[in-house]
N, C-alpha and C. Protein backbone atom coordinates (compact mmCIF):
# COMPACT_ATOMS: atom_id res chain seq x y z
N MET A 1 -13.36 -12.59 -10.01
CA MET A 1 -12.32 -11.80 -9.35
C MET A 1 -12.81 -10.37 -9.18
N SER A 2 -12.26 -9.68 -8.20
CA SER A 2 -12.66 -8.29 -7.95
C SER A 2 -11.49 -7.35 -8.22
N ILE A 3 -11.69 -6.48 -9.20
CA ILE A 3 -10.69 -5.46 -9.52
C ILE A 3 -10.88 -4.25 -8.61
N ILE A 4 -12.15 -3.89 -8.42
CA ILE A 4 -12.53 -2.79 -7.54
C ILE A 4 -13.36 -3.36 -6.40
N TYR A 5 -13.09 -2.94 -5.19
CA TYR A 5 -13.91 -3.38 -4.07
C TYR A 5 -14.09 -2.24 -3.07
N ARG A 6 -15.21 -2.28 -2.40
CA ARG A 6 -15.49 -1.28 -1.36
C ARG A 6 -15.15 -1.87 0.00
N TYR A 7 -14.42 -1.11 0.77
CA TYR A 7 -14.05 -1.50 2.13
C TYR A 7 -14.30 -0.29 3.02
N GLY A 8 -15.30 -0.38 3.88
CA GLY A 8 -15.69 0.80 4.65
C GLY A 8 -16.28 1.84 3.72
N ASN A 9 -15.79 3.04 3.81
CA ASN A 9 -16.31 4.14 2.99
C ASN A 9 -15.35 4.54 1.88
N GLU A 10 -14.56 3.59 1.40
CA GLU A 10 -13.64 3.89 0.30
C GLU A 10 -13.62 2.75 -0.71
N TYR A 11 -13.22 3.10 -1.92
CA TYR A 11 -13.03 2.09 -2.96
C TYR A 11 -11.54 1.84 -3.17
N TYR A 12 -11.23 0.57 -3.35
CA TYR A 12 -9.85 0.11 -3.49
C TYR A 12 -9.66 -0.55 -4.85
N ILE A 13 -8.46 -0.41 -5.38
CA ILE A 13 -8.10 -1.01 -6.66
C ILE A 13 -7.13 -2.17 -6.42
N ASN A 14 -7.50 -3.33 -6.92
CA ASN A 14 -6.71 -4.55 -6.77
C ASN A 14 -6.08 -4.87 -8.12
N MET A 15 -4.84 -4.42 -8.35
CA MET A 15 -4.22 -4.50 -9.67
C MET A 15 -3.35 -5.73 -9.88
N THR A 16 -2.87 -6.33 -8.80
CA THR A 16 -1.93 -7.44 -8.94
C THR A 16 -1.96 -8.32 -7.70
N ASN A 17 -1.54 -9.56 -7.88
CA ASN A 17 -1.33 -10.45 -6.73
C ASN A 17 0.16 -10.67 -6.47
N ARG A 18 1.00 -10.01 -7.27
CA ARG A 18 2.44 -10.15 -7.08
C ARG A 18 2.92 -9.28 -5.92
N CYS A 19 3.84 -9.81 -5.13
CA CYS A 19 4.41 -9.05 -4.01
C CYS A 19 5.75 -9.67 -3.63
N PRO A 20 6.77 -8.84 -3.39
CA PRO A 20 8.07 -9.38 -2.99
C PRO A 20 8.16 -9.73 -1.51
N CYS A 21 7.10 -9.44 -0.76
CA CYS A 21 7.09 -9.75 0.67
C CYS A 21 6.14 -10.90 0.97
N ARG A 22 6.39 -11.57 2.09
CA ARG A 22 5.51 -12.63 2.57
C ARG A 22 5.23 -12.36 4.05
N CYS A 23 4.60 -11.24 4.31
CA CYS A 23 4.38 -10.79 5.69
C CYS A 23 3.62 -11.85 6.49
N VAL A 24 4.08 -12.09 7.70
CA VAL A 24 3.49 -13.15 8.51
C VAL A 24 2.04 -12.86 8.86
N PHE A 25 1.66 -11.59 8.86
CA PHE A 25 0.30 -11.20 9.24
C PHE A 25 -0.57 -10.82 8.04
N CYS A 26 -0.11 -11.11 6.83
CA CYS A 26 -0.86 -10.68 5.64
C CYS A 26 -2.25 -11.32 5.59
N LEU A 27 -3.23 -10.49 5.31
CA LEU A 27 -4.62 -10.96 5.24
C LEU A 27 -4.84 -12.05 4.21
N ARG A 28 -4.08 -11.99 3.14
CA ARG A 28 -4.34 -12.96 2.08
C ARG A 28 -3.98 -14.38 2.49
N ASN A 29 -3.29 -14.52 3.62
CA ASN A 29 -2.99 -15.85 4.16
C ASN A 29 -4.21 -16.50 4.80
N THR A 30 -5.22 -15.68 5.13
CA THR A 30 -6.34 -16.21 5.92
C THR A 30 -7.71 -16.06 5.29
N THR A 31 -7.86 -15.18 4.29
CA THR A 31 -9.18 -14.98 3.69
C THR A 31 -9.02 -14.58 2.23
N PRO A 32 -9.93 -15.01 1.35
CA PRO A 32 -9.81 -14.69 -0.07
C PRO A 32 -10.32 -13.31 -0.45
N ALA A 33 -10.97 -12.61 0.48
CA ALA A 33 -11.60 -11.35 0.10
C ALA A 33 -11.73 -10.41 1.28
N LEU A 34 -12.01 -9.15 0.95
CA LEU A 34 -12.28 -8.10 1.94
C LEU A 34 -13.47 -7.28 1.47
N GLY A 35 -14.14 -6.61 2.40
CA GLY A 35 -15.23 -5.73 2.01
C GLY A 35 -16.26 -6.45 1.16
N ASP A 36 -16.64 -5.80 0.05
CA ASP A 36 -17.65 -6.41 -0.82
C ASP A 36 -17.04 -7.22 -1.97
N ALA A 37 -15.75 -7.48 -1.91
CA ALA A 37 -15.09 -8.26 -2.96
C ALA A 37 -15.55 -9.71 -2.93
N GLU A 38 -15.68 -10.31 -4.12
CA GLU A 38 -15.97 -11.74 -4.20
C GLU A 38 -14.69 -12.53 -3.89
N THR A 39 -13.64 -12.17 -4.58
CA THR A 39 -12.31 -12.70 -4.29
C THR A 39 -11.29 -11.69 -4.80
N LEU A 40 -10.22 -11.54 -4.04
CA LEU A 40 -9.15 -10.64 -4.45
C LEU A 40 -8.03 -11.39 -5.17
N TRP A 41 -8.23 -12.67 -5.36
CA TRP A 41 -7.29 -13.44 -6.18
C TRP A 41 -7.68 -13.25 -7.65
N LEU A 42 -6.76 -12.74 -8.42
CA LEU A 42 -7.02 -12.38 -9.82
C LEU A 42 -6.75 -13.54 -10.76
N ASP A 43 -7.60 -13.69 -11.79
CA ASP A 43 -7.29 -14.67 -12.82
C ASP A 43 -6.44 -14.04 -13.92
N HIS A 44 -6.39 -12.71 -13.93
CA HIS A 44 -5.45 -11.98 -14.78
C HIS A 44 -5.27 -10.59 -14.21
N GLU A 45 -4.16 -9.95 -14.52
CA GLU A 45 -3.96 -8.58 -14.06
C GLU A 45 -4.73 -7.64 -14.99
N PRO A 46 -5.61 -6.82 -14.43
CA PRO A 46 -6.44 -5.95 -15.26
C PRO A 46 -5.63 -4.88 -15.97
N THR A 47 -6.07 -4.54 -17.17
CA THR A 47 -5.47 -3.43 -17.89
C THR A 47 -5.92 -2.12 -17.26
N VAL A 48 -5.26 -1.04 -17.65
CA VAL A 48 -5.67 0.28 -17.18
C VAL A 48 -7.12 0.56 -17.58
N ASP A 49 -7.47 0.22 -18.82
CA ASP A 49 -8.84 0.44 -19.28
C ASP A 49 -9.85 -0.35 -18.46
N GLU A 50 -9.51 -1.57 -18.10
CA GLU A 50 -10.41 -2.39 -17.28
C GLU A 50 -10.63 -1.74 -15.91
N VAL A 51 -9.57 -1.23 -15.32
CA VAL A 51 -9.69 -0.57 -14.01
C VAL A 51 -10.62 0.62 -14.10
N ILE A 52 -10.41 1.46 -15.10
CA ILE A 52 -11.23 2.67 -15.25
C ILE A 52 -12.69 2.29 -15.53
N ASP A 53 -12.90 1.28 -16.37
CA ASP A 53 -14.26 0.83 -16.67
C ASP A 53 -14.97 0.34 -15.40
N GLU A 54 -14.25 -0.38 -14.55
CA GLU A 54 -14.85 -0.86 -13.30
C GLU A 54 -15.17 0.29 -12.36
N LEU A 55 -14.34 1.30 -12.33
CA LEU A 55 -14.60 2.47 -11.49
C LEU A 55 -15.86 3.21 -11.94
N ARG A 56 -16.12 3.20 -13.23
CA ARG A 56 -17.31 3.87 -13.76
C ARG A 56 -18.61 3.20 -13.29
N LYS A 57 -18.51 1.97 -12.84
CA LYS A 57 -19.70 1.21 -12.46
C LYS A 57 -20.12 1.41 -11.01
N VAL A 58 -19.29 2.09 -10.21
CA VAL A 58 -19.60 2.21 -8.78
C VAL A 58 -19.84 3.67 -8.40
N ASP A 59 -20.45 3.86 -7.25
CA ASP A 59 -20.76 5.20 -6.75
C ASP A 59 -19.56 5.76 -6.01
N LEU A 60 -18.76 6.54 -6.71
CA LEU A 60 -17.54 7.08 -6.12
C LEU A 60 -17.78 8.31 -5.25
N SER A 61 -19.03 8.72 -5.13
CA SER A 61 -19.34 9.91 -4.33
C SER A 61 -19.15 9.67 -2.83
N ILE A 62 -18.96 8.42 -2.42
CA ILE A 62 -18.83 8.12 -0.99
C ILE A 62 -17.51 8.62 -0.41
N SER A 63 -16.53 8.92 -1.28
CA SER A 63 -15.22 9.33 -0.78
C SER A 63 -14.53 10.23 -1.79
N ASP A 64 -13.62 11.06 -1.28
CA ASP A 64 -12.83 11.92 -2.15
C ASP A 64 -11.54 11.24 -2.59
N GLU A 65 -11.33 10.02 -2.13
CA GLU A 65 -10.07 9.33 -2.35
C GLU A 65 -10.30 7.92 -2.89
N ILE A 66 -9.42 7.50 -3.79
CA ILE A 66 -9.39 6.12 -4.27
C ILE A 66 -8.03 5.54 -3.92
N VAL A 67 -8.05 4.28 -3.46
CA VAL A 67 -6.84 3.68 -2.91
C VAL A 67 -6.37 2.49 -3.75
N PHE A 68 -5.09 2.48 -4.06
CA PHE A 68 -4.48 1.30 -4.69
C PHE A 68 -4.03 0.37 -3.58
N CYS A 69 -4.76 -0.72 -3.42
CA CYS A 69 -4.43 -1.69 -2.37
C CYS A 69 -5.25 -2.94 -2.58
N GLY A 70 -4.58 -4.07 -2.74
CA GLY A 70 -5.29 -5.33 -2.91
C GLY A 70 -4.44 -6.46 -2.39
N TYR A 71 -4.52 -7.62 -3.03
CA TYR A 71 -3.72 -8.76 -2.59
C TYR A 71 -2.43 -8.83 -3.39
N GLY A 72 -1.69 -7.74 -3.35
CA GLY A 72 -0.41 -7.64 -4.03
C GLY A 72 0.16 -6.25 -3.81
N GLU A 73 1.39 -6.05 -4.20
CA GLU A 73 2.05 -4.76 -4.03
C GLU A 73 1.81 -3.88 -5.26
N PRO A 74 1.10 -2.75 -5.11
CA PRO A 74 0.73 -1.92 -6.26
C PRO A 74 1.90 -1.45 -7.11
N THR A 75 3.06 -1.16 -6.49
CA THR A 75 4.18 -0.62 -7.27
C THR A 75 4.85 -1.66 -8.16
N VAL A 76 4.44 -2.92 -8.04
CA VAL A 76 4.89 -3.94 -9.00
C VAL A 76 4.45 -3.53 -10.40
N ARG A 77 3.31 -2.84 -10.48
CA ARG A 77 2.81 -2.34 -11.77
C ARG A 77 2.84 -0.81 -11.77
N PHE A 78 3.97 -0.27 -11.44
CA PHE A 78 4.06 1.17 -11.22
C PHE A 78 3.68 2.00 -12.44
N ASP A 79 4.12 1.61 -13.62
CA ASP A 79 3.80 2.39 -14.82
C ASP A 79 2.29 2.40 -15.08
N ASP A 80 1.65 1.25 -14.93
CA ASP A 80 0.19 1.19 -15.08
C ASP A 80 -0.51 1.94 -13.95
N LEU A 81 0.04 1.85 -12.75
CA LEU A 81 -0.52 2.58 -11.61
C LEU A 81 -0.53 4.08 -11.89
N LYS A 82 0.58 4.59 -12.41
CA LYS A 82 0.66 6.03 -12.73
C LYS A 82 -0.40 6.43 -13.74
N GLU A 83 -0.56 5.62 -14.78
CA GLU A 83 -1.55 5.94 -15.81
C GLU A 83 -2.96 5.91 -15.24
N CYS A 84 -3.24 4.90 -14.42
CA CYS A 84 -4.55 4.83 -13.75
C CYS A 84 -4.78 6.07 -12.89
N ALA A 85 -3.77 6.44 -12.12
CA ALA A 85 -3.90 7.59 -11.22
C ALA A 85 -4.19 8.87 -12.00
N ARG A 86 -3.50 9.05 -13.10
CA ARG A 86 -3.74 10.25 -13.93
C ARG A 86 -5.18 10.27 -14.45
N ARG A 87 -5.63 9.13 -14.92
CA ARG A 87 -6.99 9.06 -15.46
C ARG A 87 -8.05 9.22 -14.37
N ILE A 88 -7.77 8.72 -13.18
CA ILE A 88 -8.68 8.90 -12.05
C ILE A 88 -8.83 10.37 -11.73
N LYS A 89 -7.73 11.09 -11.74
CA LYS A 89 -7.77 12.52 -11.45
C LYS A 89 -8.52 13.29 -12.55
N GLU A 90 -8.25 12.92 -13.79
CA GLU A 90 -8.87 13.62 -14.92
C GLU A 90 -10.36 13.36 -15.02
N GLU A 91 -10.77 12.09 -14.88
CA GLU A 91 -12.17 11.72 -15.09
C GLU A 91 -13.03 11.81 -13.84
N PHE A 92 -12.47 11.40 -12.71
CA PHE A 92 -13.28 11.30 -11.49
C PHE A 92 -12.98 12.39 -10.47
N HIS A 93 -11.89 13.12 -10.70
CA HIS A 93 -11.50 14.23 -9.81
C HIS A 93 -11.35 13.77 -8.36
N LYS A 94 -10.66 12.66 -8.19
CA LYS A 94 -10.41 12.10 -6.87
C LYS A 94 -8.92 12.14 -6.55
N SER A 95 -8.60 12.24 -5.27
CA SER A 95 -7.21 12.09 -4.87
C SER A 95 -6.86 10.60 -4.86
N VAL A 96 -5.58 10.32 -4.90
CA VAL A 96 -5.10 8.94 -5.04
C VAL A 96 -4.13 8.60 -3.91
N ARG A 97 -4.42 7.48 -3.25
CA ARG A 97 -3.52 6.96 -2.22
C ARG A 97 -3.01 5.60 -2.64
N VAL A 98 -1.77 5.32 -2.31
CA VAL A 98 -1.19 4.01 -2.57
C VAL A 98 -0.76 3.40 -1.24
N ASN A 99 -1.27 2.22 -0.93
CA ASN A 99 -0.80 1.45 0.22
C ASN A 99 0.33 0.56 -0.27
N THR A 100 1.51 0.72 0.30
CA THR A 100 2.70 0.09 -0.27
C THR A 100 3.64 -0.44 0.80
N ASN A 101 4.47 -1.40 0.40
CA ASN A 101 5.51 -1.88 1.30
C ASN A 101 6.75 -0.99 1.27
N GLY A 102 6.76 0.00 0.39
CA GLY A 102 7.87 0.94 0.34
C GLY A 102 9.11 0.42 -0.38
N LEU A 103 8.97 -0.69 -1.08
CA LEU A 103 10.11 -1.28 -1.78
C LEU A 103 10.05 -1.02 -3.29
N GLY A 104 9.30 -0.01 -3.68
CA GLY A 104 9.08 0.27 -5.09
C GLY A 104 10.34 0.51 -5.90
N ASN A 105 11.35 1.12 -5.29
CA ASN A 105 12.61 1.36 -6.01
C ASN A 105 13.32 0.05 -6.31
N LEU A 106 13.34 -0.85 -5.34
CA LEU A 106 13.96 -2.17 -5.56
C LEU A 106 13.17 -2.97 -6.58
N ILE A 107 11.87 -2.91 -6.48
CA ILE A 107 11.00 -3.66 -7.40
C ILE A 107 11.20 -3.24 -8.84
N ASN A 108 11.29 -1.93 -9.05
CA ASN A 108 11.36 -1.39 -10.42
C ASN A 108 12.78 -1.17 -10.92
N GLY A 109 13.76 -1.33 -10.04
CA GLY A 109 15.14 -1.17 -10.45
C GLY A 109 15.51 0.26 -10.80
N ARG A 110 14.75 1.20 -10.26
CA ARG A 110 15.03 2.62 -10.49
C ARG A 110 14.37 3.43 -9.39
N ASP A 111 14.73 4.70 -9.32
CA ASP A 111 14.11 5.60 -8.35
C ASP A 111 12.77 6.07 -8.91
N ILE A 112 11.69 5.56 -8.35
CA ILE A 112 10.36 5.92 -8.85
C ILE A 112 9.79 7.15 -8.15
N VAL A 113 10.46 7.61 -7.11
CA VAL A 113 9.90 8.70 -6.29
C VAL A 113 9.59 9.95 -7.11
N PRO A 114 10.51 10.46 -7.94
CA PRO A 114 10.18 11.68 -8.70
C PRO A 114 8.96 11.52 -9.59
N GLU A 115 8.68 10.31 -10.04
CA GLU A 115 7.55 10.06 -10.93
C GLU A 115 6.21 10.12 -10.22
N MET A 116 6.22 10.15 -8.89
CA MET A 116 4.98 10.22 -8.13
C MET A 116 4.48 11.65 -7.97
N GLU A 117 5.34 12.62 -8.20
CA GLU A 117 4.97 14.01 -7.97
C GLU A 117 3.79 14.43 -8.85
N GLY A 118 2.75 14.97 -8.24
CA GLY A 118 1.58 15.42 -8.96
C GLY A 118 0.65 14.30 -9.39
N VAL A 119 1.03 13.06 -9.11
CA VAL A 119 0.24 11.90 -9.50
C VAL A 119 -0.34 11.19 -8.28
N ILE A 120 0.49 11.01 -7.27
CA ILE A 120 0.09 10.35 -6.03
C ILE A 120 -0.06 11.39 -4.93
N ASP A 121 -1.19 11.38 -4.25
CA ASP A 121 -1.47 12.36 -3.20
C ASP A 121 -1.12 11.87 -1.80
N ALA A 122 -1.13 10.56 -1.61
CA ALA A 122 -0.86 10.01 -0.29
C ALA A 122 -0.26 8.62 -0.41
N LEU A 123 0.62 8.32 0.53
CA LEU A 123 1.19 6.98 0.64
C LEU A 123 0.97 6.46 2.04
N SER A 124 0.59 5.20 2.14
CA SER A 124 0.58 4.50 3.42
C SER A 124 1.62 3.40 3.32
N ILE A 125 2.71 3.58 4.04
CA ILE A 125 3.88 2.70 3.91
C ILE A 125 3.96 1.76 5.11
N SER A 126 4.15 0.49 4.84
CA SER A 126 4.23 -0.51 5.90
C SER A 126 5.63 -0.49 6.52
N LEU A 127 5.75 0.19 7.64
CA LEU A 127 7.01 0.22 8.39
C LEU A 127 7.25 -1.15 9.04
N ASN A 128 6.26 -1.62 9.74
CA ASN A 128 6.20 -2.99 10.29
C ASN A 128 7.16 -3.30 11.43
N ALA A 129 8.32 -2.63 11.48
CA ALA A 129 9.32 -3.00 12.48
C ALA A 129 10.24 -1.84 12.78
N SER A 130 10.94 -1.95 13.92
CA SER A 130 11.81 -0.86 14.37
C SER A 130 13.26 -1.04 13.94
N ASN A 131 13.57 -2.19 13.34
CA ASN A 131 14.94 -2.44 12.89
C ASN A 131 14.92 -3.52 11.81
N GLU A 132 16.06 -3.69 11.14
CA GLU A 132 16.08 -4.60 10.00
C GLU A 132 15.85 -6.06 10.41
N GLU A 133 16.45 -6.48 11.50
CA GLU A 133 16.28 -7.88 11.92
C GLU A 133 14.80 -8.22 12.14
N GLU A 134 14.12 -7.33 12.84
CA GLU A 134 12.69 -7.51 13.10
C GLU A 134 11.89 -7.48 11.79
N TYR A 135 12.29 -6.55 10.91
CA TYR A 135 11.61 -6.38 9.62
C TYR A 135 11.74 -7.63 8.75
N LEU A 136 12.95 -8.18 8.69
CA LEU A 136 13.16 -9.37 7.87
C LEU A 136 12.35 -10.56 8.38
N ALA A 137 12.19 -10.64 9.69
CA ALA A 137 11.42 -11.74 10.28
C ALA A 137 9.93 -11.60 10.04
N LEU A 138 9.43 -10.36 10.05
CA LEU A 138 7.99 -10.12 9.90
C LEU A 138 7.55 -9.98 8.45
N SER A 139 8.32 -9.22 7.67
CA SER A 139 7.92 -8.92 6.28
C SER A 139 8.46 -9.93 5.28
N ARG A 140 9.57 -10.56 5.60
CA ARG A 140 10.18 -11.59 4.76
C ARG A 140 10.31 -11.16 3.29
N PRO A 141 10.97 -10.02 3.03
CA PRO A 141 11.12 -9.54 1.66
C PRO A 141 12.08 -10.41 0.85
N SER A 142 11.77 -10.60 -0.41
CA SER A 142 12.62 -11.42 -1.27
C SER A 142 13.97 -10.76 -1.53
N PHE A 143 14.06 -9.45 -1.32
CA PHE A 143 15.31 -8.73 -1.55
C PHE A 143 16.31 -8.93 -0.41
N GLY A 144 15.84 -9.45 0.71
CA GLY A 144 16.72 -9.75 1.82
C GLY A 144 17.28 -8.53 2.53
N PRO A 145 18.47 -8.67 3.16
CA PRO A 145 19.08 -7.56 3.88
C PRO A 145 19.22 -6.32 3.00
N GLY A 146 18.98 -5.17 3.59
CA GLY A 146 18.99 -3.92 2.84
C GLY A 146 17.59 -3.44 2.51
N SER A 147 16.62 -4.33 2.61
CA SER A 147 15.24 -3.96 2.29
C SER A 147 14.69 -2.91 3.26
N TYR A 148 15.01 -3.07 4.53
CA TYR A 148 14.50 -2.12 5.53
C TYR A 148 15.02 -0.72 5.25
N LYS A 149 16.32 -0.61 5.00
CA LYS A 149 16.91 0.70 4.67
C LYS A 149 16.29 1.26 3.39
N ALA A 150 16.05 0.40 2.41
CA ALA A 150 15.44 0.86 1.16
C ALA A 150 14.05 1.44 1.41
N MET A 151 13.30 0.81 2.30
CA MET A 151 11.96 1.30 2.65
C MET A 151 12.03 2.64 3.38
N ILE A 152 12.97 2.77 4.31
CA ILE A 152 13.16 4.02 5.04
C ILE A 152 13.58 5.13 4.09
N ASP A 153 14.53 4.84 3.21
CA ASP A 153 15.00 5.84 2.24
C ASP A 153 13.88 6.26 1.29
N PHE A 154 13.08 5.29 0.87
CA PHE A 154 11.93 5.58 0.00
C PHE A 154 10.97 6.54 0.69
N THR A 155 10.72 6.30 1.96
CA THR A 155 9.82 7.17 2.72
C THR A 155 10.38 8.57 2.82
N ARG A 156 11.66 8.67 3.15
CA ARG A 156 12.30 9.98 3.31
C ARG A 156 12.21 10.79 2.02
N GLU A 157 12.50 10.16 0.90
CA GLU A 157 12.48 10.87 -0.38
C GLU A 157 11.05 11.17 -0.83
N SER A 158 10.13 10.26 -0.55
CA SER A 158 8.73 10.46 -0.95
C SER A 158 8.12 11.67 -0.26
N LYS A 159 8.56 11.94 0.95
CA LYS A 159 8.04 13.08 1.71
C LYS A 159 8.24 14.39 0.95
N LYS A 160 9.20 14.42 0.05
CA LYS A 160 9.51 15.63 -0.71
C LYS A 160 8.52 15.88 -1.84
N VAL A 161 7.83 14.83 -2.29
CA VAL A 161 6.97 14.98 -3.47
C VAL A 161 5.53 14.53 -3.27
N VAL A 162 5.27 13.77 -2.21
CA VAL A 162 3.91 13.29 -1.92
C VAL A 162 3.41 14.01 -0.68
N PRO A 163 2.27 14.69 -0.77
CA PRO A 163 1.79 15.55 0.33
C PRO A 163 1.55 14.83 1.65
N ASN A 164 0.99 13.63 1.60
CA ASN A 164 0.60 12.95 2.84
C ASN A 164 1.24 11.57 2.94
N ILE A 165 2.04 11.38 3.98
CA ILE A 165 2.72 10.11 4.19
C ILE A 165 2.34 9.54 5.54
N THR A 166 1.91 8.29 5.55
CA THR A 166 1.64 7.56 6.79
C THR A 166 2.54 6.34 6.83
N MET A 167 3.08 6.05 8.00
CA MET A 167 3.81 4.80 8.21
C MET A 167 3.04 3.98 9.23
N SER A 168 2.92 2.69 8.97
CA SER A 168 2.08 1.87 9.85
C SER A 168 2.79 0.60 10.31
N ILE A 169 2.28 0.08 11.41
CA ILE A 169 2.72 -1.21 11.93
C ILE A 169 1.49 -2.03 12.30
N VAL A 170 1.70 -3.31 12.53
CA VAL A 170 0.65 -4.15 13.10
C VAL A 170 0.98 -4.30 14.58
N GLY A 171 0.17 -3.68 15.42
CA GLY A 171 0.51 -3.53 16.82
C GLY A 171 0.80 -4.81 17.57
N GLU A 172 0.04 -5.85 17.33
CA GLU A 172 0.21 -7.08 18.08
C GLU A 172 1.40 -7.91 17.62
N SER A 173 2.08 -7.47 16.58
CA SER A 173 3.17 -8.26 16.03
C SER A 173 4.52 -7.90 16.63
N ILE A 174 4.62 -6.77 17.34
CA ILE A 174 5.89 -6.34 17.92
C ILE A 174 5.68 -5.91 19.37
N SER A 175 6.77 -5.74 20.08
CA SER A 175 6.69 -5.37 21.49
C SER A 175 6.31 -3.90 21.65
N PRO A 176 5.82 -3.51 22.83
CA PRO A 176 5.52 -2.10 23.09
C PRO A 176 6.74 -1.21 22.89
N GLU A 177 7.92 -1.72 23.23
CA GLU A 177 9.14 -0.94 23.06
C GLU A 177 9.42 -0.70 21.58
N SER A 178 9.24 -1.73 20.77
CA SER A 178 9.44 -1.59 19.33
C SER A 178 8.40 -0.65 18.72
N GLU A 179 7.18 -0.72 19.24
CA GLU A 179 6.13 0.17 18.75
C GLU A 179 6.49 1.62 19.02
N LYS A 180 7.03 1.91 20.19
CA LYS A 180 7.44 3.28 20.51
C LYS A 180 8.57 3.73 19.59
N GLU A 181 9.50 2.83 19.31
CA GLU A 181 10.60 3.17 18.42
C GLU A 181 10.08 3.42 17.00
N CYS A 182 9.11 2.65 16.57
CA CYS A 182 8.50 2.87 15.24
C CYS A 182 7.84 4.25 15.17
N ALA A 183 7.17 4.63 16.24
CA ALA A 183 6.54 5.95 16.29
C ALA A 183 7.59 7.04 16.18
N ARG A 184 8.73 6.83 16.83
CA ARG A 184 9.82 7.81 16.76
C ARG A 184 10.38 7.90 15.34
N ILE A 185 10.57 6.75 14.71
CA ILE A 185 11.09 6.73 13.34
C ILE A 185 10.15 7.47 12.39
N ALA A 186 8.87 7.21 12.51
CA ALA A 186 7.89 7.89 11.65
C ALA A 186 7.94 9.39 11.86
N ALA A 187 8.00 9.82 13.11
CA ALA A 187 8.05 11.25 13.42
C ALA A 187 9.31 11.88 12.84
N GLU A 188 10.42 11.18 12.95
CA GLU A 188 11.69 11.68 12.43
C GLU A 188 11.62 11.87 10.92
N LEU A 189 10.87 11.00 10.26
CA LEU A 189 10.73 11.08 8.80
C LEU A 189 9.62 12.03 8.37
N GLY A 190 8.90 12.60 9.34
CA GLY A 190 7.83 13.53 9.02
C GLY A 190 6.55 12.85 8.58
N ALA A 191 6.39 11.59 8.97
CA ALA A 191 5.21 10.82 8.58
C ALA A 191 4.24 10.68 9.75
N THR A 192 2.97 10.55 9.43
CA THR A 192 1.97 10.20 10.43
C THR A 192 2.17 8.73 10.81
N PHE A 193 1.99 8.42 12.06
CA PHE A 193 2.17 7.05 12.54
C PHE A 193 0.83 6.40 12.82
N LYS A 194 0.67 5.16 12.36
CA LYS A 194 -0.60 4.47 12.56
C LYS A 194 -0.36 3.01 12.95
N VAL A 195 -1.17 2.54 13.89
CA VAL A 195 -1.13 1.14 14.29
C VAL A 195 -2.32 0.42 13.68
N ARG A 196 -2.04 -0.59 12.86
CA ARG A 196 -3.10 -1.40 12.28
C ARG A 196 -3.49 -2.46 13.30
N GLU A 197 -4.77 -2.60 13.51
CA GLU A 197 -5.24 -3.51 14.56
C GLU A 197 -5.51 -4.90 14.02
N SER A 198 -5.31 -5.87 14.87
CA SER A 198 -5.65 -7.25 14.56
C SER A 198 -7.08 -7.53 15.03
N VAL A 199 -7.91 -8.05 14.12
CA VAL A 199 -9.29 -8.38 14.46
C VAL A 199 -9.54 -9.84 14.09
N CYS A 200 -9.72 -10.67 15.10
CA CYS A 200 -9.97 -12.11 14.87
C CYS A 200 -8.89 -12.72 13.99
N GLY A 201 -7.66 -12.31 14.24
CA GLY A 201 -6.55 -12.86 13.48
C GLY A 201 -6.35 -12.20 12.14
N LYS A 202 -7.17 -11.21 11.80
CA LYS A 202 -7.04 -10.51 10.53
C LYS A 202 -6.57 -9.08 10.78
N ILE A 203 -5.79 -8.56 9.86
CA ILE A 203 -5.23 -7.23 10.03
C ILE A 203 -5.99 -6.25 9.14
N LEU A 204 -6.42 -5.16 9.72
CA LEU A 204 -7.13 -4.16 8.93
C LEU A 204 -6.15 -3.46 8.00
N ILE A 205 -6.50 -3.34 6.72
CA ILE A 205 -5.59 -2.70 5.77
C ILE A 205 -5.71 -1.20 5.79
N LYS A 206 -6.83 -0.69 6.29
CA LYS A 206 -7.08 0.74 6.20
C LYS A 206 -6.25 1.49 7.23
């Protein structure tokens, strides 16, 4: 299994395979690995110490940023994620980005946004759709109705404590009209808007 993997010019941390969403375009539906990973399917969830030990083995000079993103939702392990992020900053002096579905408050049963201040430098949030009906069909969250609003609210509040926020969609999964509406929503929330491209049926996570 791969806890740390290189994808392009960045290193990613794969902490869990748990996720409350079953996105129709999720990469894990079509391939077991990305980048230089052997497999992103974990035989166990790594401890914080294991993550840090694996980071010590790679050349982190290729990037100023380390990303939490694998075959699962990072905020499922939010407390461990925070500890990892703190240690990454202290030992490696890198900024930290989390690629997330934005449902961290629902997942953890509390408002996790204030806990990100000074710990998380950037969030890439999967907007995926321009309205709840579209979102439920594409992301298929286990929390059901209300998930879309929870993701939007999470983004709005995160903007207050996390310096860099990006919201993204998978361009080929929605109509051009919906894509324009998503861009408007992101702008309204003060987030950068990004379209993730489909390549040979696979969606780029970056």
